[in-house]
Amino acid sequence: MINIIKKELFVYTGLLTMLMLFMHPDLLSNPTERLSNMQAMGNYVHPLLYTFFIYLVLYFFRVIFSFVKRLFTKKKD
């Protein structure tokens, strides 16, 4: 159970990092300006929410892919 949680946290963190860099490439060149803008606007939670919604979509596709994969694999008796 702990390994599953670690794996999903790794996937979520990777997705958060990837989305963060795609949506705000200025984080690499000037991160303090981006963080000061976030502080001025008070929008700390929106990256986590957006990532969570995209994570749910990806999780849904992963479950479907796993189900289809199980349908086509042979069972050992």
Protein backbone atom coordinates (compact mmCIF):
# COMPACT_ATOMS: atom_id res chain seq x y z
CA MET A 1 0.00 0.00 0.00
CA ILE A 2 2.81 2.39 0.87
CA ASN A 3 4.51 1.64 -2.47
CA ILE A 4 1.32 2.49 -4.36
CA ILE A 5 1.02 5.80 -2.52
CA LYS A 6 4.67 6.61 -3.21
CA LYS A 7 4.21 5.78 -6.90
CA GLU A 8 1.10 7.96 -7.22
CA LEU A 9 2.77 10.84 -5.37
CA PHE A 10 5.71 10.55 -7.75
CA VAL A 11 3.34 10.65 -10.74
CA TYR A 12 1.45 13.64 -9.28
CA THR A 13 4.65 15.55 -8.49
CA GLY A 14 6.06 14.87 -11.96
CA LEU A 15 2.81 16.01 -13.55
CA LEU A 16 2.80 19.17 -11.39
CA THR A 17 6.37 19.98 -12.38
CA MET A 18 5.74 19.31 -16.06
CA LEU A 19 2.58 21.45 -16.15
CA MET A 20 4.27 24.19 -14.17
CA LEU A 21 7.15 24.43 -16.63
CA PHE A 22 4.88 24.24 -19.71
CA MET A 23 2.46 26.89 -18.47
CA HIS A 24 5.02 29.22 -16.90
CA PRO A 25 8.40 28.91 -18.61
CA ASP A 26 9.51 32.11 -16.88
CA LEU A 27 9.91 30.07 -13.69
CA LEU A 28 13.27 28.93 -15.02
CA SER A 29 14.53 32.42 -15.79
CA ASN A 30 12.96 34.49 -12.99
CA PRO A 31 11.24 32.41 -10.29
CA THR A 32 11.14 35.19 -7.68
CA GLU A 33 9.01 37.40 -9.93
CA ARG A 34 6.55 34.55 -10.57
CA LEU A 35 6.31 33.77 -6.84
CA SER A 36 5.80 37.44 -5.97
CA ASN A 37 2.98 37.59 -8.55
CA MET A 38 1.38 34.52 -6.96
CA GLN A 39 1.66 36.13 -3.54
CA ALA A 40 0.16 39.41 -4.77
CA MET A 41 -2.79 37.63 -6.37
CA GLY A 42 -3.21 35.06 -3.62
CA ASN A 43 -3.58 32.13 -6.02
CA TYR A 44 -1.57 29.42 -4.30
CA VAL A 45 -4.02 26.55 -4.73
CA HIS A 46 -4.83 26.70 -8.46
CA PRO A 47 -1.74 24.75 -9.64
CA LEU A 48 -2.62 21.91 -7.30
CA LEU A 49 -6.25 21.87 -8.41
CA TYR A 50 -5.43 21.94 -12.12
CA THR A 51 -2.89 19.18 -11.64
CA PHE A 52 -5.40 17.13 -9.65
CA PHE A 53 -8.02 17.33 -12.41
CA ILE A 54 -5.51 16.34 -15.08
CA TYR A 55 -4.24 13.57 -12.79
CA LEU A 56 -7.80 12.21 -12.50
CA VAL A 57 -8.15 12.12 -16.29
CA LEU A 58 -4.81 10.33 -16.65
CA TYR A 59 -5.73 7.93 -13.86
CA PHE A 60 -8.99 7.12 -15.64
CA PHE A 61 -7.08 6.30 -18.85
CA ARG A 62 -4.56 4.22 -16.90
CA VAL A 63 -7.38 2.17 -15.35
CA ILE A 64 -9.02 1.61 -18.73
CA PHE A 65 -5.67 0.62 -20.28
CA SER A 66 -5.03 -1.80 -17.42
CA PHE A 67 -8.47 -3.35 -17.86
CA VAL A 68 -8.02 -3.79 -21.61
CA LYS A 69 -4.56 -5.24 -21.06
CA ARG A 70 -5.98 -7.81 -18.62
CA LEU A 71 -8.60 -8.83 -21.19
CA PHE A 72 -5.95 -9.76 -23.74
CA THR A 73 -3.43 -11.49 -21.48
CA LYS A 74 -3.58 -15.22 -21.07
CA LYS A 75 -4.38 -16.62 -17.66
CA LYS A 76 -2.08 -19.31 -16.34
CA ASP A 77 -3.88 -22.31 -14.87
